[in-house]
Every structure is written in structure tokens, then in C-alpha cells.
Amino acid sequence: MRYAFLLFFALLLSGCSVFKDTPEAPPAPTSHAQEISRSQTHGLPKLGTISVSVRGSPDDAEREIDARANQAGAIYYQIVMVDETVMPGLWYATATLYGASTAARAQ
């Protein structure tokens, strides 16, 4: 029983490494805001956050986030949450806006 517990604990700890993200470079900036993953946000200046409430589907909420990120002048955005509210068909989404990295601006 003791060995089973130790084996389980070792497997549990080794599984935690799956959630560790290694930093990746974001894609090249374009004229349109781009969605990036959490591992691509390293070194980017945070511009702020936006939230939307949209009737429809989760895709509608993501499209509204994209439109608002463009209006705000962000280069990149990371969607933090998309969730249905208490009312069916009403979706709530939040995103963090990012600008271009200083290394990209220097080039």
C-alpha cells in the first residue's frame, strides 16, 4: 500500500509539468489584432483588459473581442474567459490586450 501511494504521488507530480508553459515568440505584428496564447505573452506590454456580453454563441463573443481589440489599437490579445451567463444564449468574455514588444519596435 505504501509503495502504491508513493507511485501515485510521483506520477501526480510528474503530471504537473504538463501545465508548465515555455515562452514562445508571438507572431509578427500585422494591421489586425491577433489572438495569442499565454506562453506568447512574455515580454509584451500589457495595455489593459476588455469585457463583452453578447447574445448568440461563444464564437460571437470571440468575434466581438477581436473587434474591440482592433478598436483599442492592440497588436495582440489573449482571451482569458468565455462563459455563458445565467441567461441561456448570453455569453460573457474577457481578454487582455497587449502591444508590440520593444524588440519588435526597434526593428
N, C-alpha and C. Protein backbone atom coordinates (compact mmCIF):
# COMPACT_ATOMS: atom_id res chain seq x y z
N MET A 1 0.82 -1.19 0.00
CA MET A 1 0.00 0.00 0.00
C MET A 1 0.86 1.25 0.00
N ARG A 2 1.94 1.20 0.79
CA ARG A 2 2.83 2.36 0.87
C ARG A 2 3.47 2.63 -0.48
N TYR A 3 3.88 1.59 -1.19
CA TYR A 3 4.51 1.78 -2.50
C TYR A 3 3.52 2.30 -3.53
N ALA A 4 2.29 1.88 -3.42
CA ALA A 4 1.25 2.38 -4.33
C ALA A 4 1.04 3.87 -4.12
N PHE A 5 1.05 4.29 -2.86
CA PHE A 5 0.90 5.72 -2.56
C PHE A 5 2.08 6.52 -3.12
N LEU A 6 3.30 6.01 -2.93
CA LEU A 6 4.48 6.71 -3.43
C LEU A 6 4.47 6.76 -4.96
N LEU A 7 4.07 5.70 -5.61
CA LEU A 7 3.97 5.69 -7.06
C LEU A 7 2.93 6.68 -7.54
N PHE A 8 1.78 6.69 -6.90
CA PHE A 8 0.72 7.64 -7.26
C PHE A 8 1.20 9.08 -7.09
N PHE A 9 1.87 9.37 -5.98
CA PHE A 9 2.37 10.71 -5.71
C PHE A 9 3.42 11.14 -6.74
N ALA A 10 4.31 10.22 -7.12
CA ALA A 10 5.33 10.53 -8.12
C ALA A 10 4.70 10.80 -9.48
N LEU A 11 3.71 10.02 -9.85
CA LEU A 11 3.03 10.25 -11.12
C LEU A 11 2.25 11.56 -11.11
N LEU A 12 1.67 11.89 -9.99
CA LEU A 12 0.93 13.14 -9.86
C LEU A 12 1.86 14.33 -10.03
N LEU A 13 3.01 14.30 -9.39
CA LEU A 13 3.97 15.40 -9.51
C LEU A 13 4.55 15.51 -10.92
N SER A 14 4.81 14.39 -11.55
CA SER A 14 5.35 14.45 -12.92
C SER A 14 4.31 14.95 -13.90
N GLY A 15 3.04 14.75 -13.61
CA GLY A 15 1.97 15.25 -14.46
C GLY A 15 1.82 16.76 -14.39
N CYS A 16 2.29 17.37 -13.32
CA CYS A 16 2.21 18.83 -13.20
C CYS A 16 3.08 19.53 -14.21
N SER A 17 4.11 18.88 -14.71
CA SER A 17 4.98 19.51 -15.70
C SER A 17 4.26 19.74 -17.03
N VAL A 18 3.16 19.09 -17.25
CA VAL A 18 2.38 19.28 -18.47
C VAL A 18 1.84 20.70 -18.53
N PHE A 19 1.54 21.30 -17.39
CA PHE A 19 0.95 22.63 -17.35
C PHE A 19 1.97 23.75 -17.39
N LYS A 20 3.25 23.43 -17.38
CA LYS A 20 4.28 24.46 -17.42
C LYS A 20 4.49 24.88 -18.88
N ASP A 21 4.28 26.18 -19.14
CA ASP A 21 4.47 26.70 -20.49
C ASP A 21 5.87 27.26 -20.63
N THR A 22 6.51 26.95 -21.75
CA THR A 22 7.77 27.57 -22.07
C THR A 22 7.47 28.76 -22.97
N PRO A 23 8.13 29.89 -22.75
CA PRO A 23 7.84 31.08 -23.55
C PRO A 23 8.07 30.84 -25.04
N GLU A 24 7.17 31.37 -25.83
CA GLU A 24 7.28 31.31 -27.28
C GLU A 24 7.22 32.73 -27.81
N ALA A 25 7.77 32.94 -28.98
CA ALA A 25 7.70 34.26 -29.60
C ALA A 25 6.31 34.46 -30.21
N PRO A 26 5.73 35.65 -30.04
CA PRO A 26 4.44 35.91 -30.69
C PRO A 26 4.62 36.06 -32.19
N PRO A 27 3.55 35.94 -32.96
CA PRO A 27 3.67 36.12 -34.40
C PRO A 27 4.04 37.57 -34.73
N ALA A 28 4.48 37.79 -35.93
CA ALA A 28 4.84 39.15 -36.37
C ALA A 28 3.60 40.04 -36.33
N PRO A 29 3.76 41.29 -35.88
CA PRO A 29 2.61 42.22 -35.83
C PRO A 29 2.03 42.49 -37.23
N THR A 30 0.73 42.61 -37.29
CA THR A 30 0.04 42.94 -38.52
C THR A 30 -0.87 44.14 -38.25
N SER A 31 -1.63 44.53 -39.26
CA SER A 31 -2.54 45.66 -39.07
C SER A 31 -3.79 45.27 -38.30
N HIS A 32 -3.98 43.98 -38.08
CA HIS A 32 -5.16 43.46 -37.39
C HIS A 32 -4.71 42.78 -36.10
N ALA A 33 -5.42 42.99 -35.01
CA ALA A 33 -5.07 42.35 -33.73
C ALA A 33 -5.14 40.83 -33.86
N GLN A 34 -4.18 40.15 -33.24
CA GLN A 34 -4.09 38.70 -33.32
C GLN A 34 -4.25 38.08 -31.94
N GLU A 35 -4.95 36.95 -31.89
CA GLU A 35 -5.07 36.23 -30.63
C GLU A 35 -3.80 35.43 -30.41
N ILE A 36 -3.29 35.47 -29.17
CA ILE A 36 -2.09 34.72 -28.82
C ILE A 36 -2.37 33.88 -27.59
N SER A 37 -1.50 32.90 -27.36
CA SER A 37 -1.64 32.04 -26.19
C SER A 37 -0.88 32.64 -25.01
N ARG A 38 -1.08 32.08 -23.85
CA ARG A 38 -0.43 32.58 -22.64
C ARG A 38 1.09 32.50 -22.75
N SER A 39 1.60 31.46 -23.38
CA SER A 39 3.05 31.31 -23.49
C SER A 39 3.68 32.33 -24.44
N GLN A 40 2.87 33.02 -25.23
CA GLN A 40 3.39 34.02 -26.15
C GLN A 40 3.34 35.44 -25.58
N THR A 41 2.86 35.63 -24.36
CA THR A 41 2.71 36.96 -23.79
C THR A 41 3.96 37.46 -23.08
N HIS A 42 4.96 36.63 -22.93
CA HIS A 42 6.18 37.02 -22.21
C HIS A 42 6.87 38.18 -22.92
N GLY A 43 7.10 39.26 -22.19
CA GLY A 43 7.82 40.41 -22.73
C GLY A 43 6.96 41.42 -23.46
N LEU A 44 5.67 41.18 -23.56
CA LEU A 44 4.79 42.12 -24.24
C LEU A 44 4.20 43.10 -23.23
N PRO A 45 4.11 44.38 -23.58
CA PRO A 45 3.49 45.33 -22.65
C PRO A 45 1.98 45.16 -22.59
N LYS A 46 1.45 45.09 -21.39
CA LYS A 46 0.01 44.93 -21.20
C LYS A 46 -0.67 46.29 -21.35
N LEU A 47 -1.67 46.38 -22.22
CA LEU A 47 -2.37 47.62 -22.47
C LEU A 47 -3.64 47.76 -21.65
N GLY A 48 -4.22 46.66 -21.22
CA GLY A 48 -5.45 46.70 -20.45
C GLY A 48 -6.29 45.46 -20.68
N THR A 49 -7.53 45.50 -20.23
CA THR A 49 -8.46 44.39 -20.43
C THR A 49 -9.76 44.90 -21.01
N ILE A 50 -10.47 44.00 -21.68
CA ILE A 50 -11.79 44.32 -22.21
C ILE A 50 -12.74 43.19 -21.87
N SER A 51 -14.02 43.52 -21.77
CA SER A 51 -15.06 42.54 -21.49
C SER A 51 -16.23 42.80 -22.42
N VAL A 52 -16.90 41.74 -22.83
CA VAL A 52 -18.08 41.86 -23.69
C VAL A 52 -19.17 40.92 -23.21
N SER A 53 -20.40 41.29 -23.48
CA SER A 53 -21.57 40.42 -23.28
C SER A 53 -22.31 40.38 -24.60
N VAL A 54 -22.51 39.19 -25.14
CA VAL A 54 -23.07 39.04 -26.48
C VAL A 54 -24.13 37.95 -26.48
N ARG A 55 -25.23 38.20 -27.17
CA ARG A 55 -26.23 37.15 -27.40
C ARG A 55 -25.77 36.32 -28.59
N GLY A 56 -25.89 35.01 -28.46
CA GLY A 56 -25.52 34.14 -29.57
C GLY A 56 -24.74 32.93 -29.09
N SER A 57 -23.50 32.84 -29.57
CA SER A 57 -22.67 31.68 -29.28
C SER A 57 -21.31 32.13 -28.76
N PRO A 58 -20.48 31.19 -28.31
CA PRO A 58 -19.14 31.56 -27.87
C PRO A 58 -18.32 32.19 -29.01
N ASP A 59 -18.56 31.75 -30.25
CA ASP A 59 -17.86 32.32 -31.40
C ASP A 59 -18.22 33.79 -31.57
N ASP A 60 -19.47 34.14 -31.31
CA ASP A 60 -19.89 35.54 -31.40
C ASP A 60 -19.14 36.38 -30.37
N ALA A 61 -18.97 35.85 -29.18
CA ALA A 61 -18.24 36.57 -28.14
C ALA A 61 -16.77 36.75 -28.53
N GLU A 62 -16.16 35.73 -29.12
CA GLU A 62 -14.77 35.83 -29.55
C GLU A 62 -14.61 36.83 -30.69
N ARG A 63 -15.57 36.86 -31.62
CA ARG A 63 -15.53 37.86 -32.70
C ARG A 63 -15.66 39.27 -32.16
N GLU A 64 -16.49 39.46 -31.14
CA GLU A 64 -16.65 40.79 -30.54
C GLU A 64 -15.37 41.21 -29.81
N ILE A 65 -14.71 40.27 -29.15
CA ILE A 65 -13.42 40.56 -28.51
C ILE A 65 -12.41 41.00 -29.57
N ASP A 66 -12.37 40.30 -30.69
CA ASP A 66 -11.46 40.64 -31.79
C ASP A 66 -11.73 42.06 -32.29
N ALA A 67 -13.00 42.40 -32.49
CA ALA A 67 -13.37 43.73 -32.98
C ALA A 67 -12.98 44.81 -31.98
N ARG A 68 -13.23 44.56 -30.70
CA ARG A 68 -12.90 45.57 -29.67
C ARG A 68 -11.39 45.72 -29.51
N ALA A 69 -10.64 44.63 -29.67
CA ALA A 69 -9.18 44.72 -29.60
C ALA A 69 -8.65 45.59 -30.74
N ASN A 70 -9.23 45.45 -31.92
CA ASN A 70 -8.84 46.30 -33.05
C ASN A 70 -9.18 47.76 -32.78
N GLN A 71 -10.36 48.01 -32.24
CA GLN A 71 -10.76 49.38 -31.93
C GLN A 71 -9.83 50.02 -30.89
N ALA A 72 -9.35 49.23 -29.95
CA ALA A 72 -8.48 49.74 -28.90
C ALA A 72 -7.04 49.93 -29.38
N GLY A 73 -6.72 49.45 -30.57
CA GLY A 73 -5.38 49.60 -31.11
C GLY A 73 -4.38 48.58 -30.60
N ALA A 74 -4.86 47.47 -30.09
CA ALA A 74 -3.96 46.42 -29.59
C ALA A 74 -3.35 45.65 -30.76
N ILE A 75 -2.14 45.18 -30.56
CA ILE A 75 -1.48 44.33 -31.56
C ILE A 75 -1.86 42.87 -31.32
N TYR A 76 -1.92 42.49 -30.05
CA TYR A 76 -2.25 41.12 -29.66
C TYR A 76 -3.31 41.14 -28.56
N TYR A 77 -4.01 40.02 -28.39
CA TYR A 77 -4.93 39.85 -27.27
C TYR A 77 -4.97 38.38 -26.89
N GLN A 78 -5.22 38.16 -25.60
CA GLN A 78 -5.36 36.79 -25.08
C GLN A 78 -6.73 36.69 -24.43
N ILE A 79 -7.56 35.79 -24.94
CA ILE A 79 -8.87 35.58 -24.35
C ILE A 79 -8.69 34.80 -23.05
N VAL A 80 -9.16 35.39 -21.97
CA VAL A 80 -8.99 34.81 -20.65
C VAL A 80 -10.16 33.90 -20.30
N MET A 81 -11.38 34.34 -20.68
CA MET A 81 -12.56 33.57 -20.30
C MET A 81 -13.68 33.80 -21.30
N VAL A 82 -14.38 32.74 -21.63
CA VAL A 82 -15.64 32.81 -22.37
C VAL A 82 -16.59 31.89 -21.63
N ASP A 83 -17.70 32.47 -21.14
CA ASP A 83 -18.60 31.69 -20.31
C ASP A 83 -20.03 32.14 -20.55
N GLU A 84 -20.95 31.20 -20.49
CA GLU A 84 -22.36 31.53 -20.62
C GLU A 84 -22.85 32.09 -19.28
N THR A 85 -23.64 33.14 -19.34
CA THR A 85 -24.15 33.75 -18.12
C THR A 85 -25.34 32.95 -17.60
N VAL A 86 -26.02 33.49 -16.62
CA VAL A 86 -27.19 32.84 -16.04
C VAL A 86 -28.29 32.70 -17.09
N MET A 87 -28.37 33.67 -18.00
CA MET A 87 -29.38 33.62 -19.06
C MET A 87 -28.85 32.79 -20.23
N PRO A 88 -29.58 31.78 -20.66
CA PRO A 88 -29.13 30.97 -21.80
C PRO A 88 -28.97 31.83 -23.05
N GLY A 89 -27.88 31.61 -23.77
CA GLY A 89 -27.63 32.32 -25.01
C GLY A 89 -26.93 33.66 -24.84
N LEU A 90 -26.65 34.08 -23.62
CA LEU A 90 -25.93 35.32 -23.36
C LEU A 90 -24.53 34.96 -22.87
N TRP A 91 -23.53 35.31 -23.67
CA TRP A 91 -22.15 34.91 -23.41
C TRP A 91 -21.34 36.11 -22.93
N TYR A 92 -20.46 35.86 -21.98
CA TYR A 92 -19.59 36.87 -21.39
C TYR A 92 -18.15 36.46 -21.67
N ALA A 93 -17.33 37.40 -22.14
CA ALA A 93 -15.93 37.09 -22.43
C ALA A 93 -15.04 38.23 -21.96
N THR A 94 -13.84 37.89 -21.51
CA THR A 94 -12.84 38.88 -21.14
C THR A 94 -11.53 38.56 -21.84
N ALA A 95 -10.76 39.59 -22.12
CA ALA A 95 -9.47 39.40 -22.78
C ALA A 95 -8.49 40.44 -22.27
N THR A 96 -7.22 40.11 -22.35
CA THR A 96 -6.14 41.02 -22.00
C THR A 96 -5.52 41.51 -23.30
N LEU A 97 -5.31 42.82 -23.40
CA LEU A 97 -4.74 43.42 -24.61
C LEU A 97 -3.25 43.64 -24.42
N TYR A 98 -2.49 43.43 -25.47
CA TYR A 98 -1.05 43.61 -25.45
C TYR A 98 -0.61 44.44 -26.65
N GLY A 99 0.48 45.18 -26.46
CA GLY A 99 1.10 45.93 -27.55
C GLY A 99 2.29 45.15 -28.10
N ALA A 100 2.99 45.77 -29.04
CA ALA A 100 4.17 45.13 -29.62
C ALA A 100 5.33 45.17 -28.63
N SER A 101 6.19 44.18 -28.69
CA SER A 101 7.35 44.15 -27.80
C SER A 101 8.32 45.24 -28.20
N THR A 102 9.16 45.63 -27.27
CA THR A 102 10.14 46.68 -27.56
C THR A 102 11.14 46.21 -28.59
N ALA A 103 11.44 44.92 -28.65
CA ALA A 103 12.37 44.40 -29.65
C ALA A 103 11.77 44.52 -31.05
N ALA A 104 10.46 44.31 -31.17
CA ALA A 104 9.80 44.42 -32.48
C ALA A 104 9.74 45.87 -32.92
N ARG A 105 9.57 46.81 -31.98
CA ARG A 105 9.52 48.22 -32.32
C ARG A 105 10.88 48.75 -32.77
N ALA A 106 11.95 48.17 -32.25
CA ALA A 106 13.29 48.63 -32.59
C ALA A 106 13.67 48.24 -34.02
N GLN A 107 13.04 47.21 -34.56
CA GLN A 107 13.38 46.76 -35.90
C GLN A 107 12.69 47.52 -36.94
